[in-house]
Amino acid sequence: MHSEGRITGLSDDGLGVLGRSDRPIYVPFAYPGDGVRVKSTRRRFGRLLAGDFELLEPSPLRVNPKCLHFGTCGGCLWQGLKYREQLRLKADLFERITGLSAEIKGSPKIWGFRNISNFIVTTSGIGLKEYGSPLRIVDLVECPVFSKRTRDYLHSLRAFLSETGLKPWNLKKKADDVHYLQVREGKFTGEVMVNLIAHGKPSEEVAEAFGDYFSFADSLYWSVKRNERDDPTGEPELLGGEPFIRERIGDVTYFIHPNSFFQTNSYALPLLLRAVEGFTDGERVLDLYSGVGTFGVWLAKRGFAVEGIEINPFAVEMARKNAELNGVNAVFRVGRAEETPIGDYDTVIVDPPRKGLREAGELLVKSGVERVIYISCNPRAFKLDYENHLKKAYRIEDALLVDMFPHAPHVEAVVKLVRKN
């Protein structure tokens, strides 16, 4: 049965909402004010999700999308929205979820801003997954949010596969050779890292061909994937070039490795770093989920004495390299956040995984630290951490949103918490 009507709002995850509040239909790629006719639905995670739908009357919030894959590719739900409306709606969603009203800063660039892309390589196409379908792939020609060179990267990969006879991954059978192509770009250095993720090591001939087809790369890796999980991970081996590429953010240079997590938007990252810096007071700073030192090294460059704690030993090694590269006073150690004694620090920075702080929240409550800076792209996790733990000892003094993810519903929040008197 067809359902017809006007999109009246957005869900917390950025889908258009159609119909009665007791039985809504959630419509991807639809926005408030759109008149739509939904032709099919399917039940997913306990709610009705529109399949095929027709746009009858476009919302005044709409703009023509730049990417020819928009509407099927799962990467950009909001590319059909005017950018100023994206910012307004992100701030609205954040306030709806957390109860906090916060200023939002837009990304300086909304095209070509991503410094990493993971292209899945399958028998049904090479590119990104369709929205809501783990087994259907959009066979990409371009990706304007990632790079102008996407066409070149994908052309090189297809030619490499054709010459070597390596088989793309079969999603249904969970078998065959090449699973992902990961490409990283240093937006401010121009350096490129290419990492092929495959189920097996290359022969000498294959490794040589790989180097020939991607000769433009400053760093060339082959990662061996030893499981069938559908994610871009493996054990990396350097085949050519430098072991790291560099990204330059303001006056700080960061090394990047295939196993490094680094914020995906190089152009908006300075806004995020300055927001954290602006909320940081005192001299001694604890960076409780320090990763590769993104925040800690930046703050140390500005004269703070920084100590970082991170559970991943490789990330700690990279953080130490980044501190040495920039000649700063920052010490990074391996440790679990929830087991870290919090001593005489002026500010603690937390950028926890998506699940949030959990036990580490109680650790902060029992500490004597005056201020906590909470960084997160998951407002629900922040709300739970605050309501269940941090609220016992801290009040929210300020918050700022930074749009690290143009054309997607997500937003990065920086919240300053100050100990109650």
Protein backbone atom coordinates (compact mmCIF):
# COMPACT_ATOMS: atom_id res chain seq x y z
CA MET A 1 0.00 0.00 0.00
CA HIS A 2 1.33 3.41 -0.98
CA SER A 3 1.70 6.14 1.65
CA GLU A 4 1.64 9.77 0.58
CA GLY A 5 2.24 12.95 2.51
CA ARG A 6 4.71 15.56 3.66
CA ILE A 7 7.90 15.03 5.63
CA THR A 8 7.31 16.76 8.95
CA GLY A 9 10.63 16.25 10.70
CA LEU A 10 13.80 14.24 11.06
CA SER A 11 14.66 11.23 13.18
CA ASP A 12 17.66 11.37 15.49
CA ASP A 13 19.71 9.61 12.79
CA GLY A 14 18.70 12.06 10.05
CA LEU A 15 15.88 10.27 8.22
CA GLY A 16 12.75 12.06 7.04
CA VAL A 17 9.64 11.26 9.13
CA LEU A 18 6.34 10.64 7.33
CA GLY A 19 2.94 9.82 8.84
CA ARG A 20 1.42 9.59 12.31
CA SER A 21 3.64 9.69 15.37
CA ASP A 22 2.35 6.27 16.46
CA ARG A 23 3.25 4.64 13.13
CA PRO A 24 5.80 6.76 11.26
CA ILE A 25 7.65 5.78 8.11
CA TYR A 26 11.31 6.78 8.01
CA VAL A 27 12.42 7.98 4.58
CA PRO A 28 16.17 8.22 3.73
CA PHE A 29 17.26 11.15 1.52
CA ALA A 30 14.03 13.05 2.36
CA TYR A 31 13.83 16.34 4.26
CA PRO A 32 11.29 18.50 6.14
CA GLY A 33 8.83 20.01 3.67
CA ASP A 34 9.23 17.31 1.01
CA GLY A 35 6.02 15.91 -0.43
CA VAL A 36 6.60 12.19 -1.03
CA ARG A 37 4.85 8.99 -2.08
CA VAL A 38 6.33 5.88 -0.46
CA LYS A 39 5.85 2.83 -2.68
CA SER A 40 7.38 0.15 -0.46
CA THR A 41 8.58 -0.31 3.11
CA ARG A 42 10.54 -2.84 5.11
CA ARG A 43 10.88 -3.36 8.83
CA ARG A 44 14.36 -2.71 10.14
CA PHE A 45 15.43 -2.43 13.78
CA GLY A 46 11.81 -2.25 14.89
CA ARG A 47 10.69 0.56 12.59
CA LEU A 48 9.29 1.01 9.09
CA LEU A 49 11.92 2.17 6.61
CA ALA A 50 10.90 3.41 3.16
CA GLY A 51 12.31 1.51 0.20
CA ASP A 52 11.27 3.01 -3.11
CA PHE A 53 9.74 6.49 -2.85
CA GLU A 54 8.82 9.28 -5.23
CA LEU A 55 9.49 12.96 -4.58
CA LEU A 56 6.25 14.76 -5.46
CA GLU A 57 7.11 18.25 -4.28
CA PRO A 58 10.63 19.30 -3.21
CA SER A 59 11.18 21.11 0.05
CA PRO A 60 12.56 24.68 -0.14
CA LEU A 61 15.44 23.33 1.97
CA ARG A 62 16.67 21.25 -0.98
CA VAL A 63 19.62 21.82 -3.28
CA ASN A 64 20.80 19.80 -6.27
CA PRO A 65 23.28 17.15 -5.10
CA LYS A 66 26.77 17.23 -6.56
CA CYS A 67 27.40 13.47 -6.64
CA LEU A 68 25.82 11.30 -9.33
CA HIS A 69 25.54 8.44 -6.78
CA PHE A 70 23.40 10.45 -4.35
CA GLY A 71 20.21 8.67 -3.33
CA THR A 72 21.68 5.17 -3.34
CA CYS A 73 25.14 5.49 -1.75
CA GLY A 74 25.00 5.30 2.03
CA GLY A 75 27.72 7.88 2.55
CA CYS A 76 25.77 11.13 2.19
CA LEU A 77 22.19 11.20 3.49
CA TRP A 78 22.04 15.00 3.52
CA GLN A 79 23.76 16.00 0.28
CA GLY A 80 20.36 17.17 -1.03
CA LEU A 81 20.12 19.77 1.76
CA LYS A 82 21.39 23.34 1.56
CA TYR A 83 24.49 23.51 3.72
CA ARG A 84 23.20 26.24 6.03
CA GLU A 85 20.14 24.05 6.67
CA GLN A 86 22.38 21.09 7.44
CA LEU A 87 24.06 23.14 10.16
CA ARG A 88 20.77 24.35 11.60
CA LEU A 89 19.29 20.85 11.67
CA LYS A 90 22.42 19.36 13.26
CA ALA A 91 22.25 21.90 16.07
CA ASP A 92 18.52 21.18 16.47
CA LEU A 93 19.09 17.41 16.65
CA PHE A 94 21.89 17.84 19.18
CA GLU A 95 19.64 20.00 21.38
CA ARG A 96 16.75 17.56 21.04
CA ILE A 97 18.91 14.65 22.20
CA THR A 98 20.97 16.36 24.92
CA GLY A 99 18.89 19.38 25.93
CA LEU A 100 21.89 21.62 25.19
CA SER A 101 21.74 24.62 22.89
CA ALA A 102 25.14 25.17 21.28
CA GLU A 103 26.69 27.28 18.55
CA ILE A 104 27.75 25.29 15.49
CA LYS A 105 30.74 26.05 13.28
CA GLY A 106 30.57 24.88 9.68
CA SER A 107 33.32 23.12 7.80
CA PRO A 108 35.55 25.51 5.79
CA LYS A 109 35.21 23.07 2.87
CA ILE A 110 32.23 20.84 2.12
CA TRP A 111 33.73 19.07 -0.92
CA GLY A 112 36.96 17.13 -1.05
CA PHE A 113 37.32 17.40 2.72
CA ARG A 114 37.66 13.74 3.71
CA ASN A 115 41.27 12.62 4.17
CA ILE A 116 40.42 8.90 4.05
CA SER A 117 38.15 6.65 2.05
CA ASN A 118 37.64 2.89 2.28
CA PHE A 119 36.39 1.48 -1.03
CA ILE A 120 34.95 -2.00 -0.71
CA VAL A 121 36.05 -4.29 -3.56
CA THR A 122 33.41 -6.89 -4.45
CA THR A 123 32.12 -9.03 -7.29
CA SER A 124 29.10 -6.71 -7.60
CA GLY A 125 31.03 -3.46 -7.68
CA ILE A 126 33.81 -1.35 -6.21
CA GLY A 127 32.88 1.58 -4.04
CA LEU A 128 30.59 2.08 -1.05
CA LYS A 129 27.57 0.24 0.30
CA GLU A 130 24.03 1.26 -0.55
CA TYR A 131 22.10 2.86 2.27
CA GLY A 132 20.51 0.17 4.46
CA SER A 133 21.82 -2.77 2.42
CA PRO A 134 24.96 -4.60 3.59
CA LEU A 135 25.14 -6.75 0.43
CA ARG A 136 24.45 -4.15 -2.27
CA ILE A 137 27.34 -2.03 -3.51
CA VAL A 138 27.35 1.29 -5.36
CA ASP A 139 29.88 0.86 -8.16
CA LEU A 140 31.54 4.26 -7.78
CA VAL A 141 32.74 6.54 -10.52
CA GLU A 142 33.39 9.52 -8.24
CA CYS A 143 33.27 10.66 -4.63
CA PRO A 144 33.26 14.47 -4.40
CA VAL A 145 33.34 14.49 -0.60
CA PHE A 146 36.62 12.58 -0.65
CA SER A 147 38.81 13.66 -3.53
CA LYS A 148 38.97 14.93 -7.09
CA ARG A 149 41.34 12.02 -7.70
CA THR A 150 38.82 9.30 -6.79
CA ARG A 151 38.37 8.41 -10.46
CA ASP A 152 42.13 7.90 -10.82
CA TYR A 153 42.36 5.73 -7.71
CA LEU A 154 39.51 3.49 -8.83
CA HIS A 155 40.78 3.32 -12.42
CA SER A 156 44.20 2.20 -11.16
CA LEU A 157 42.62 -0.46 -8.97
CA ARG A 158 40.43 -1.87 -11.74
CA ALA A 159 43.37 -2.00 -14.14
CA PHE A 160 45.52 -3.71 -11.48
CA LEU A 161 42.86 -6.36 -10.84
CA SER A 162 42.43 -6.94 -14.56
CA GLU A 163 46.14 -7.50 -15.16
CA THR A 164 46.82 -9.70 -12.12
CA GLY A 165 43.61 -11.72 -12.18
CA LEU A 166 43.05 -11.17 -8.47
CA LYS A 167 39.40 -11.68 -7.61
CA PRO A 168 37.24 -9.15 -5.77
CA TRP A 169 35.66 -10.30 -2.51
CA ASN A 170 32.41 -12.26 -2.77
CA LEU A 171 30.15 -10.88 -0.04
CA LYS A 172 27.74 -13.83 -0.08
CA LYS A 173 30.31 -16.63 -0.20
CA LYS A 174 32.84 -14.71 1.95
CA ALA A 175 35.68 -15.78 -0.28
CA ASP A 176 38.34 -14.60 -2.75
CA ASP A 177 41.19 -12.12 -2.78
CA VAL A 178 40.84 -8.33 -2.54
CA HIS A 179 38.44 -6.85 0.03
CA TYR A 180 39.17 -3.11 0.38
CA LEU A 181 41.20 -0.28 -1.08
CA GLN A 182 42.01 2.35 1.53
CA VAL A 183 43.33 5.70 0.34
CA ARG A 184 44.50 8.50 2.63
CA GLU A 185 45.40 12.02 1.56
CA GLY A 186 47.31 14.68 3.46
CA LYS A 187 45.14 17.58 2.41
CA PHE A 188 47.73 20.17 3.46
CA THR A 189 50.84 18.22 2.44
CA GLY A 190 49.63 16.59 -0.78
CA GLU A 191 50.94 13.20 0.36
CA VAL A 192 49.02 10.03 -0.54
CA MET A 193 48.91 6.61 1.13
CA VAL A 194 47.43 3.60 -0.69
CA ASN A 195 46.65 0.46 1.30
CA LEU A 196 45.23 -2.67 -0.36
CA ILE A 197 43.47 -5.01 2.07
CA ALA A 198 43.48 -8.60 0.80
CA HIS A 199 43.10 -12.18 2.01
CA GLY A 200 46.66 -13.30 1.42
CA LYS A 201 50.14 -12.03 0.68
CA PRO A 202 51.10 -10.89 -2.83
CA SER A 203 53.56 -12.71 -5.04
CA GLU A 204 56.60 -10.76 -6.21
CA GLU A 205 54.96 -10.20 -9.60
CA VAL A 206 51.71 -8.96 -8.04
CA ALA A 207 53.58 -6.67 -5.63
CA GLU A 208 55.55 -5.20 -8.54
CA ALA A 209 52.38 -4.60 -10.57
CA PHE A 210 50.73 -2.98 -7.55
CA GLY A 211 53.63 -0.55 -7.28
CA ASP A 212 53.43 0.22 -11.00
CA TYR A 213 49.71 1.02 -10.98
CA PHE A 214 49.95 3.16 -7.84
CA SER A 215 53.33 4.76 -8.54
CA PHE A 216 51.90 8.15 -7.54
CA ALA A 217 51.58 7.02 -3.88
CA ASP A 218 54.06 8.37 -1.35
CA SER A 219 53.36 5.35 0.85
CA LEU A 220 52.24 1.94 -0.45
CA TYR A 221 50.92 -0.82 1.82
CA TRP A 222 49.49 -4.31 1.42
CA SER A 223 47.45 -5.45 4.43
CA VAL A 224 46.71 -9.13 4.97
CA LYS A 225 43.22 -9.72 6.31
CA ARG A 226 42.96 -12.90 8.36
CA ASN A 227 39.23 -12.87 9.07
CA GLU A 228 36.00 -12.63 7.07
CA ARG A 229 34.64 -9.58 8.86
CA ASP A 230 33.47 -6.91 6.49
CA ASP A 231 35.75 -4.10 7.66
CA PRO A 232 38.88 -2.41 6.26
CA THR A 233 41.40 -3.92 8.66
CA GLY A 234 44.46 -6.14 8.24
CA GLU A 235 48.12 -6.57 9.09
CA PRO A 236 49.93 -3.91 7.01
CA GLU A 237 53.22 -4.49 5.21
CA LEU A 238 55.06 -1.62 3.56
CA LEU A 239 55.66 -2.39 -0.13
CA GLY A 240 57.05 0.95 -1.21
CA GLY A 241 57.68 4.55 -0.26
CA GLU A 242 57.59 6.01 3.24
CA PRO A 243 56.15 4.22 6.29
CA PHE A 244 54.03 7.27 7.11
CA ILE A 245 52.42 10.18 5.36
CA ARG A 246 52.14 13.53 7.08
CA GLU A 247 49.25 15.90 7.61
CA ARG A 248 49.84 19.51 8.64
CA ILE A 249 47.17 21.11 10.82
CA GLY A 250 48.07 24.69 11.65
CA ASP A 251 51.57 24.60 13.15
CA VAL A 252 51.41 20.88 14.06
CA THR A 253 52.47 17.98 11.84
CA TYR A 254 51.03 14.50 12.37
CA PHE A 255 52.33 11.16 11.11
CA ILE A 256 49.63 8.88 9.68
CA HIS A 257 49.89 5.09 9.34
CA PRO A 258 47.35 2.54 7.97
CA ASN A 259 46.45 1.58 11.54
CA SER A 260 46.09 5.19 12.76
CA PHE A 261 42.76 6.75 13.63
CA PHE A 262 42.82 10.40 12.55
CA GLN A 263 39.93 12.85 12.33
CA THR A 264 38.53 12.56 8.80
CA ASN A 265 38.06 16.27 7.97
CA SER A 266 41.44 18.02 7.79
CA TYR A 267 39.86 21.41 7.05
CA ALA A 268 37.49 21.46 10.05
CA LEU A 269 40.01 19.85 12.42
CA PRO A 270 41.62 23.23 13.32
CA LEU A 271 38.19 24.42 14.50
CA LEU A 272 37.87 21.38 16.73
CA LEU A 273 41.38 21.72 18.12
CA ARG A 274 40.92 25.43 18.86
CA ALA A 275 37.62 24.69 20.60
CA VAL A 276 39.36 22.20 22.89
CA GLU A 277 42.22 24.65 23.43
CA GLY A 278 39.76 27.44 24.29
CA PHE A 279 38.08 25.32 26.96
CA THR A 280 41.39 24.13 28.50
CA ASP A 281 42.58 25.93 31.62
CA GLY A 282 45.58 25.58 33.93
CA GLU A 283 48.92 24.01 33.13
CA ARG A 284 48.64 20.22 33.55
CA VAL A 285 46.40 18.32 31.16
CA LEU A 286 45.41 14.65 31.10
CA ASP A 287 44.35 13.35 27.69
CA LEU A 288 42.45 10.25 28.80
CA TYR A 289 41.77 8.65 25.38
CA SER A 290 44.79 10.09 23.65
CA GLY A 291 44.89 8.00 20.46
CA VAL A 292 47.74 9.18 18.21
CA GLY A 293 48.03 12.43 20.18
CA THR A 294 45.76 14.61 18.03
CA PHE A 295 44.61 16.79 20.93
CA GLY A 296 47.55 16.22 23.28
CA VAL A 297 50.26 17.25 20.84
CA TRP A 298 48.26 20.31 19.76
CA LEU A 299 47.89 21.46 23.39
CA ALA A 300 51.53 20.70 24.21
CA LYS A 301 52.52 22.92 21.29
CA ARG A 302 50.70 25.71 23.12
CA GLY A 303 52.65 25.24 26.34
CA PHE A 304 50.47 22.84 28.32
CA ALA A 305 52.15 19.92 30.09
CA VAL A 306 50.28 16.95 28.65
CA GLU A 307 50.07 13.33 29.72
CA GLY A 308 48.13 10.94 27.50
CA ILE A 309 46.62 7.54 28.30
CA GLU A 310 45.57 5.14 25.53
CA ILE A 311 44.76 1.41 25.56
CA ASN A 312 46.15 0.74 22.06
CA PRO A 313 49.96 0.30 22.21
CA PHE A 314 50.40 1.14 18.53
CA ALA A 315 48.48 4.40 18.94
CA VAL A 316 50.73 5.28 21.89
CA GLU A 317 53.79 4.62 19.73
CA MET A 318 52.38 6.97 17.07
CA ALA A 319 51.56 9.63 19.68
CA ARG A 320 55.15 9.51 20.90
CA LYS A 321 56.41 9.91 17.34
CA ASN A 322 54.09 12.89 16.84
CA ALA A 323 55.31 14.50 20.07
CA GLU A 324 58.93 14.01 19.02
CA LEU A 325 58.23 15.28 15.51
CA ASN A 326 56.82 18.51 16.94
CA GLY A 327 59.33 18.85 19.80
CA VAL A 328 56.70 19.17 22.53
CA ASN A 329 56.35 18.35 26.24
CA ALA A 330 53.89 15.46 26.07
CA VAL A 331 54.17 11.99 27.60
CA PHE A 332 52.00 9.12 26.34
CA ARG A 333 51.48 5.81 28.14
CA VAL A 334 49.57 2.59 27.54
CA GLY A 335 46.68 2.16 29.96
CA ARG A 336 42.95 1.66 30.43
CA ALA A 337 41.02 4.88 31.03
CA GLU A 338 38.85 3.31 33.73
CA GLU A 339 41.94 2.15 35.65
CA THR A 340 43.94 5.40 35.44
CA PRO A 341 44.66 7.20 38.73
CA ILE A 342 43.66 10.80 38.12
CA GLY A 343 46.07 12.95 40.03
CA ASP A 344 46.80 16.65 40.18
CA TYR A 345 45.58 17.79 36.76
CA ASP A 346 43.92 21.09 35.91
CA THR A 347 41.95 19.76 32.93
CA VAL A 348 41.05 16.26 31.75
CA ILE A 349 40.18 15.76 28.08
CA VAL A 350 38.05 12.76 27.14
CA ASP A 351 37.33 11.66 23.58
CA PRO A 352 35.85 8.23 24.35
CA PRO A 353 34.73 5.53 21.89
CA ARG A 354 31.12 5.67 20.70
CA LYS A 355 29.91 3.65 23.69
CA GLY A 356 31.02 6.49 25.99
CA LEU A 357 32.93 6.71 29.26
CA ARG A 358 31.07 4.15 31.37
CA GLU A 359 33.27 3.24 34.38
CA ALA A 360 35.72 6.06 33.65
CA GLY A 361 32.89 8.50 34.36
CA GLU A 362 32.85 7.50 38.03
CA LEU A 363 36.63 7.84 38.14
CA LEU A 364 36.30 11.48 37.06
CA VAL A 365 33.53 12.14 39.58
CA LYS A 366 35.76 10.89 42.43
CA SER A 367 38.78 12.87 41.23
CA GLY A 368 39.55 16.42 42.27
CA VAL A 369 39.90 17.71 38.72
CA GLU A 370 38.31 21.10 38.26
CA ARG A 371 37.28 20.77 34.59
CA VAL A 372 36.56 18.06 32.04
CA ILE A 373 36.36 18.58 28.29
CA TYR A 374 34.15 15.96 26.66
CA ILE A 375 34.51 15.44 22.89
CA SER A 376 32.04 13.22 21.07
CA CYS A 377 30.19 12.61 17.82
CA ASN A 378 27.59 10.54 19.70
CA PRO A 379 25.23 12.86 21.62
CA ARG A 380 23.32 9.95 23.16
CA ALA A 381 26.50 8.56 24.72
CA PHE A 382 27.34 11.99 26.12
CA LYS A 383 23.86 12.38 27.58
CA LEU A 384 24.07 8.98 29.29
CA ASP A 385 27.53 9.69 30.65
CA TYR A 386 26.41 13.04 32.01
CA GLU A 387 23.12 11.90 33.49
CA ASN A 388 24.50 8.66 34.96
CA HIS A 389 27.90 9.83 36.15
CA LEU A 390 29.31 13.29 35.51
CA LYS A 391 26.26 15.22 36.70
CA LYS A 392 27.05 14.14 40.28
CA ALA A 393 30.11 16.38 40.37
CA TYR A 394 30.11 18.60 37.28
CA ARG A 395 27.92 21.23 35.66
CA ILE A 396 27.94 22.09 31.97
CA GLU A 397 29.51 25.50 31.47
CA ASP A 398 29.79 25.70 27.68
CA ALA A 399 29.44 23.68 24.49
CA LEU A 400 30.42 24.10 20.85
CA LEU A 401 29.57 22.02 17.81
CA VAL A 402 31.96 21.57 14.88
CA ASP A 403 30.74 20.12 11.60
CA MET A 404 33.34 17.50 10.77
CA PHE A 405 30.87 15.59 8.58
CA PRO A 406 29.18 17.73 5.87
CA HIS A 407 26.29 15.96 4.10
CA ALA A 408 25.83 13.48 6.97
CA PRO A 409 23.65 13.96 10.09
CA HIS A 410 26.58 13.60 12.51
CA VAL A 411 28.27 16.47 14.32
CA GLU A 412 31.23 16.70 16.71
CA ALA A 413 30.52 18.25 20.10
CA VAL A 414 32.97 19.81 22.55
CA VAL A 415 31.46 20.25 26.02
CA LYS A 416 33.16 22.02 28.93
CA LEU A 417 32.26 20.62 32.36
CA VAL A 418 33.25 22.45 35.56
CA ARG A 419 33.23 20.94 39.05
CA LYS A 420 30.34 22.08 41.23
CA ASN A 421 31.12 24.10 44.32
